[in-house]
Amino acid sequence: KPNMGKIVNMSSIENAEVKIGDTVIYKEYSGTEIEFEHKKYLVLPYSDILAKVVETEEI
């Protein structure tokens, strides 16, 4: 089952399809969990992002 998270920072990637603030779905078991200033973050490679979550209006 894929996981979901919000991008809070990222390196510079040419033609990136996501940006800071986007919610993304990423591969299960991806990345490395770190703790910084009492908050947990997941550092993962851009290639492990499966999709960007986009909100749409109901029809």
PDB file of N, CA and C in Angstrom:
ATOM      1  N   LYS A   1       0.851  -1.193   0.000  1.00  0.00           N
ATOM      2  CA  LYS A   1       0.000   0.000   0.000  1.00  0.00           C
ATOM      3  C   LYS A   1       0.884   1.239   0.000  1.00  0.00           C
ATOM      4  N   PRO A   2       0.714   2.135  -0.958  1.00  0.00           N
ATOM      5  CA  PRO A   2       1.527   3.351  -0.990  1.00  0.00           C
ATOM      6  C   PRO A   2       1.218   4.270   0.188  1.00  0.00           C
ATOM      7  N   ASN A   3       2.158   5.119   0.499  1.00  0.00           N
ATOM      8  CA  ASN A   3       2.016   6.092   1.579  1.00  0.00           C
ATOM      9  C   ASN A   3       1.846   7.480   0.998  1.00  0.00           C
ATOM     10  N   MET A   4       1.376   8.406   1.840  1.00  0.00           N
ATOM     11  CA  MET A   4       1.101   9.767   1.399  1.00  0.00           C
ATOM     12  C   MET A   4       1.794  10.747   2.346  1.00  0.00           C
ATOM     13  N   GLY A   5       2.288  11.856   1.796  1.00  0.00           N
ATOM     14  CA  GLY A   5       2.925  12.873   2.612  1.00  0.00           C
ATOM     15  C   GLY A   5       2.980  14.203   1.888  1.00  0.00           C
ATOM     16  N   LYS A   6       3.333  15.237   2.655  1.00  0.00           N
ATOM     17  CA  LYS A   6       3.441  16.591   2.103  1.00  0.00           C
ATOM     18  C   LYS A   6       4.916  16.941   1.944  1.00  0.00           C
ATOM     19  N   ILE A   7       5.258  17.540   0.818  1.00  0.00           N
ATOM     20  CA  ILE A   7       6.642  17.950   0.567  1.00  0.00           C
ATOM     21  C   ILE A   7       6.920  19.232   1.350  1.00  0.00           C
ATOM     22  N   VAL A   8       7.923  19.170   2.242  1.00  0.00           N
ATOM     23  CA  VAL A   8       8.283  20.351   3.028  1.00  0.00           C
ATOM     24  C   VAL A   8       9.596  20.966   2.559  1.00  0.00           C
ATOM     25  N   ASN A   9      10.383  20.212   1.798  1.00  0.00           N
ATOM     26  CA  ASN A   9      11.624  20.731   1.225  1.00  0.00           C
ATOM     27  C   ASN A   9      12.086  19.748   0.155  1.00  0.00           C
ATOM     28  N   MET A  10      12.821  20.229  -0.802  1.00  0.00           N
ATOM     29  CA  MET A  10      13.356  19.336  -1.827  1.00  0.00           C
ATOM     30  C   MET A  10      14.547  19.984  -2.512  1.00  0.00           C
ATOM     31  N   SER A  11      15.398  19.136  -3.069  1.00  0.00           N
ATOM     32  CA  SER A  11      16.541  19.656  -3.813  1.00  0.00           C
ATOM     33  C   SER A  11      16.063  20.181  -5.161  1.00  0.00           C
ATOM     34  N   SER A  12      16.935  20.884  -5.828  1.00  0.00           N
ATOM     35  CA  SER A  12      16.595  21.445  -7.131  1.00  0.00           C
ATOM     36  C   SER A  12      16.618  20.332  -8.174  1.00  0.00           C
ATOM     37  N   ILE A  13      15.465  20.099  -8.790  1.00  0.00           N
ATOM     38  CA  ILE A  13      15.343  19.068  -9.818  1.00  0.00           C
ATOM     39  C   ILE A  13      14.765  19.724 -11.065  1.00  0.00           C
ATOM     40  N   GLU A  14      15.480  19.595 -12.170  1.00  0.00           N
ATOM     41  CA  GLU A  14      15.018  20.197 -13.421  1.00  0.00           C
ATOM     42  C   GLU A  14      13.720  19.532 -13.879  1.00  0.00           C
ATOM     43  N   ASN A  15      12.746  20.338 -14.247  1.00  0.00           N
ATOM     44  CA  ASN A  15      11.442  19.867 -14.734  1.00  0.00           C
ATOM     45  C   ASN A  15      10.690  18.998 -13.725  1.00  0.00           C
ATOM     46  N   ALA A  16      10.854  19.302 -12.434  1.00  0.00           N
ATOM     47  CA  ALA A  16      10.146  18.541 -11.395  1.00  0.00           C
ATOM     48  C   ALA A  16       8.639  18.730 -11.553  1.00  0.00           C
ATOM     49  N   GLU A  17       7.895  17.660 -11.368  1.00  0.00           N
ATOM     50  CA  GLU A  17       6.438  17.698 -11.513  1.00  0.00           C
ATOM     51  C   GLU A  17       5.750  18.014 -10.190  1.00  0.00           C
ATOM     52  N   VAL A  18       6.543  18.142  -9.113  1.00  0.00           N
ATOM     53  CA  VAL A  18       5.995  18.474  -7.797  1.00  0.00           C
ATOM     54  C   VAL A  18       6.777  19.643  -7.224  1.00  0.00           C
ATOM     55  N   LYS A  19       6.182  20.278  -6.206  1.00  0.00           N
ATOM     56  CA  LYS A  19       6.852  21.409  -5.560  1.00  0.00           C
ATOM     57  C   LYS A  19       6.566  21.368  -4.065  1.00  0.00           C
ATOM     58  N   ILE A  20       7.259  22.210  -3.314  1.00  0.00           N
ATOM     59  CA  ILE A  20       7.038  22.303  -1.875  1.00  0.00           C
ATOM     60  C   ILE A  20       5.577  22.649  -1.622  1.00  0.00           C
ATOM     61  N   GLY A  21       4.969  21.915  -0.691  1.00  0.00           N
ATOM     62  CA  GLY A  21       3.566  22.123  -0.363  1.00  0.00           C
ATOM     63  C   GLY A  21       2.641  21.100  -0.994  1.00  0.00           C
ATOM     64  N   ASP A  22       3.105  20.422  -2.044  1.00  0.00           N
ATOM     65  CA  ASP A  22       2.288  19.391  -2.695  1.00  0.00           C
ATOM     66  C   ASP A  22       2.174  18.153  -1.811  1.00  0.00           C
ATOM     67  N   THR A  23       1.044  17.474  -1.908  1.00  0.00           N
ATOM     68  CA  THR A  23       0.863  16.175  -1.266  1.00  0.00           C
ATOM     69  C   THR A  23       1.122  15.116  -2.322  1.00  0.00           C
ATOM     70  N   VAL A  24       1.932  14.119  -1.949  1.00  0.00           N
ATOM     71  CA  VAL A  24       2.314  13.083  -2.903  1.00  0.00           C
ATOM     72  C   VAL A  24       2.078  11.694  -2.320  1.00  0.00           C
ATOM     73  N   ILE A  25       1.977  10.734  -3.217  1.00  0.00           N
ATOM     74  CA  ILE A  25       1.929   9.324  -2.844  1.00  0.00           C
ATOM     75  C   ILE A  25       3.281   8.741  -3.236  1.00  0.00           C
ATOM     76  N   TYR A  26       3.902   8.004  -2.310  1.00  0.00           N
ATOM     77  CA  TYR A  26       5.221   7.446  -2.581  1.00  0.00           C
ATOM     78  C   TYR A  26       5.245   5.951  -2.271  1.00  0.00           C
ATOM     79  N   LYS A  27       6.254   5.271  -2.793  1.00  0.00           N
ATOM     80  CA  LYS A  27       6.384   3.825  -2.640  1.00  0.00           C
ATOM     81  C   LYS A  27       6.485   3.425  -1.167  1.00  0.00           C
ATOM     82  N   GLU A  28       5.872   2.285  -0.856  1.00  0.00           N
ATOM     83  CA  GLU A  28       5.977   1.725   0.487  1.00  0.00           C
ATOM     84  C   GLU A  28       7.427   1.338   0.748  1.00  0.00           C
ATOM     85  N   TYR A  29       7.862   1.482   1.972  1.00  0.00           N
ATOM     86  CA  TYR A  29       9.227   1.161   2.418  1.00  0.00           C
ATOM     87  C   TYR A  29      10.272   2.073   1.785  1.00  0.00           C
ATOM     88  N   SER A  30       9.858   3.217   1.287  1.00  0.00           N
ATOM     89  CA  SER A  30      10.786   4.142   0.646  1.00  0.00           C
ATOM     90  C   SER A  30      11.399   5.084   1.671  1.00  0.00           C
ATOM     91  N   GLY A  31      12.595   5.548   1.385  1.00  0.00           N
ATOM     92  CA  GLY A  31      13.206   6.623   2.142  1.00  0.00           C
ATOM     93  C   GLY A  31      13.781   6.239   3.486  1.00  0.00           C
ATOM     94  N   THR A  32      14.278   7.275   4.166  1.00  0.00           N
ATOM     95  CA  THR A  32      14.882   7.148   5.483  1.00  0.00           C
ATOM     96  C   THR A  32      14.197   8.124   6.417  1.00  0.00           C
ATOM     97  N   GLU A  33      13.721   7.626   7.559  1.00  0.00           N
ATOM     98  CA  GLU A  33      13.055   8.496   8.529  1.00  0.00           C
ATOM     99  C   GLU A  33      14.107   9.175   9.396  1.00  0.00           C
ATOM    100  N   ILE A  34      13.974  10.496   9.560  1.00  0.00           N
ATOM    101  CA  ILE A  34      14.871  11.253  10.430  1.00  0.00           C
ATOM    102  C   ILE A  34      14.033  12.093  11.390  1.00  0.00           C
ATOM    103  N   GLU A  35      14.650  12.533  12.481  1.00  0.00           N
ATOM    104  CA  GLU A  35      13.982  13.432  13.413  1.00  0.00           C
ATOM    105  C   GLU A  35      14.794  14.719  13.485  1.00  0.00           C
ATOM    106  N   PHE A  36      14.116  15.854  13.377  1.00  0.00           N
ATOM    107  CA  PHE A  36      14.759  17.164  13.425  1.00  0.00           C
ATOM    108  C   PHE A  36      13.880  18.092  14.238  1.00  0.00           C
ATOM    109  N   GLU A  37      14.445  18.682  15.277  1.00  0.00           N
ATOM    110  CA  GLU A  37      13.716  19.588  16.168  1.00  0.00           C
ATOM    111  C   GLU A  37      12.395  18.968  16.629  1.00  0.00           C
ATOM    112  N   HIS A  38      12.474  17.713  17.078  1.00  0.00           N
ATOM    113  CA  HIS A  38      11.343  16.960  17.645  1.00  0.00           C
ATOM    114  C   HIS A  38      10.237  16.666  16.636  1.00  0.00           C
ATOM    115  N   LYS A  39      10.520  16.733  15.354  1.00  0.00           N
ATOM    116  CA  LYS A  39       9.557  16.373  14.310  1.00  0.00           C
ATOM    117  C   LYS A  39      10.171  15.281  13.445  1.00  0.00           C
ATOM    118  N   LYS A  40       9.334  14.330  13.002  1.00  0.00           N
ATOM    119  CA  LYS A  40       9.808  13.247  12.144  1.00  0.00           C
ATOM    120  C   LYS A  40       9.568  13.601  10.676  1.00  0.00           C
ATOM    121  N   TYR A  41      10.581  13.314   9.866  1.00  0.00           N
ATOM    122  CA  TYR A  41      10.514  13.562   8.431  1.00  0.00           C
ATOM    123  C   TYR A  41      10.954  12.305   7.697  1.00  0.00           C
ATOM    124  N   LEU A  42      10.543  12.186   6.454  1.00  0.00           N
ATOM    125  CA  LEU A  42      10.981  11.081   5.608  1.00  0.00           C
ATOM    126  C   LEU A  42      11.743  11.669   4.426  1.00  0.00           C
ATOM    127  N   VAL A  43      12.990  11.267   4.289  1.00  0.00           N
ATOM    128  CA  VAL A  43      13.818  11.703   3.166  1.00  0.00           C
ATOM    129  C   VAL A  43      13.784  10.578   2.131  1.00  0.00           C
ATOM    130  N   LEU A  44      13.316  10.913   0.918  1.00  0.00           N
ATOM    131  CA  LEU A  44      13.219   9.868  -0.096  1.00  0.00           C
ATOM    132  C   LEU A  44      13.616  10.400  -1.454  1.00  0.00           C
ATOM    133  N   PRO A  45      14.059   9.501  -2.339  1.00  0.00           N
ATOM    134  CA  PRO A  45      14.449   9.939  -3.681  1.00  0.00           C
ATOM    135  C   PRO A  45      13.238  10.344  -4.513  1.00  0.00           C
ATOM    136  N   TYR A  46      13.445  11.314  -5.366  1.00  0.00           N
ATOM    137  CA  TYR A  46      12.378  11.810  -6.247  1.00  0.00           C
ATOM    138  C   TYR A  46      11.758  10.671  -7.052  1.00  0.00           C
ATOM    139  N   SER A  47      12.565   9.712  -7.430  1.00  0.00           N
ATOM    140  CA  SER A  47      12.080   8.598  -8.260  1.00  0.00           C
ATOM    141  C   SER A  47      11.082   7.697  -7.528  1.00  0.00           C
ATOM    142  N   ASP A  48      10.994   7.806  -6.206  1.00  0.00           N
ATOM    143  CA  ASP A  48      10.045   6.991  -5.436  1.00  0.00           C
ATOM    144  C   ASP A  48       8.674   7.642  -5.307  1.00  0.00           C
ATOM    145  N   ILE A  49       8.510   8.856  -5.839  1.00  0.00           N
ATOM    146  CA  ILE A  49       7.196   9.503  -5.838  1.00  0.00           C
ATOM    147  C   ILE A  49       6.370   8.887  -6.960  1.00  0.00           C
ATOM    148  N   LEU A  50       5.190   8.380  -6.597  1.00  0.00           N
ATOM    149  CA  LEU A  50       4.328   7.718  -7.579  1.00  0.00           C
ATOM    150  C   LEU A  50       3.326   8.668  -8.212  1.00  0.00           C
ATOM    151  N   ALA A  51       2.815   9.633  -7.420  1.00  0.00           N
ATOM    152  CA  ALA A  51       1.774  10.525  -7.940  1.00  0.00           C
ATOM    153  C   ALA A  51       1.654  11.757  -7.063  1.00  0.00           C
ATOM    154  N   LYS A  52       1.134  12.827  -7.662  1.00  0.00           N
ATOM    155  CA  LYS A  52       0.794  14.043  -6.922  1.00  0.00           C
ATOM    156  C   LYS A  52      -0.713  14.029  -6.699  1.00  0.00           C
ATOM    157  N   VAL A  53      -1.133  14.335  -5.472  1.00  0.00           N
ATOM    158  CA  VAL A  53      -2.557  14.373  -5.149  1.00  0.00           C
ATOM    159  C   VAL A  53      -3.100  15.734  -5.559  1.00  0.00           C
ATOM    160  N   VAL A  54      -4.149  15.728  -6.374  1.00  0.00           N
ATOM    161  CA  VAL A  54      -4.754  16.964  -6.865  1.00  0.00           C
ATOM    162  C   VAL A  54      -6.217  16.970  -6.455  1.00  0.00           C
ATOM    163  N   GLU A  55      -6.635  18.046  -5.802  1.00  0.00           N
ATOM    164  CA  GLU A  55      -8.040  18.165  -5.418  1.00  0.00           C
ATOM    165  C   GLU A  55      -8.843  18.711  -6.593  1.00  0.00           C
ATOM    166  N   THR A  56     -10.008  18.147  -6.793  1.00  0.00           N
ATOM    167  CA  THR A  56     -10.891  18.612  -7.856  1.00  0.00           C
ATOM    168  C   THR A  56     -12.270  18.891  -7.284  1.00  0.00           C
ATOM    169  N   GLU A  57     -13.036  19.662  -8.006  1.00  0.00           N
ATOM    170  CA  GLU A  57     -14.401  19.949  -7.578  1.00  0.00           C
ATOM    171  C   GLU A  57     -15.317  18.818  -8.013  1.00  0.00           C
ATOM    172  N   GLU A  58     -16.362  18.584  -7.206  1.00  0.00           N
ATOM    173  CA  GLU A  58     -17.345  17.575  -7.587  1.00  0.00           C
ATOM    174  C   GLU A  58     -18.156  18.069  -8.767  1.00  0.00           C
ATOM    175  N   ILE A  59     -18.542  17.149  -9.599  1.00  0.00           N
ATOM    176  CA  ILE A  59     -19.359  17.497 -10.773  1.00  0.00           C
ATOM    177  C   ILE A  59     -20.815  17.296 -10.438  1.00  0.00           C
TER     178      ILE A  59
END
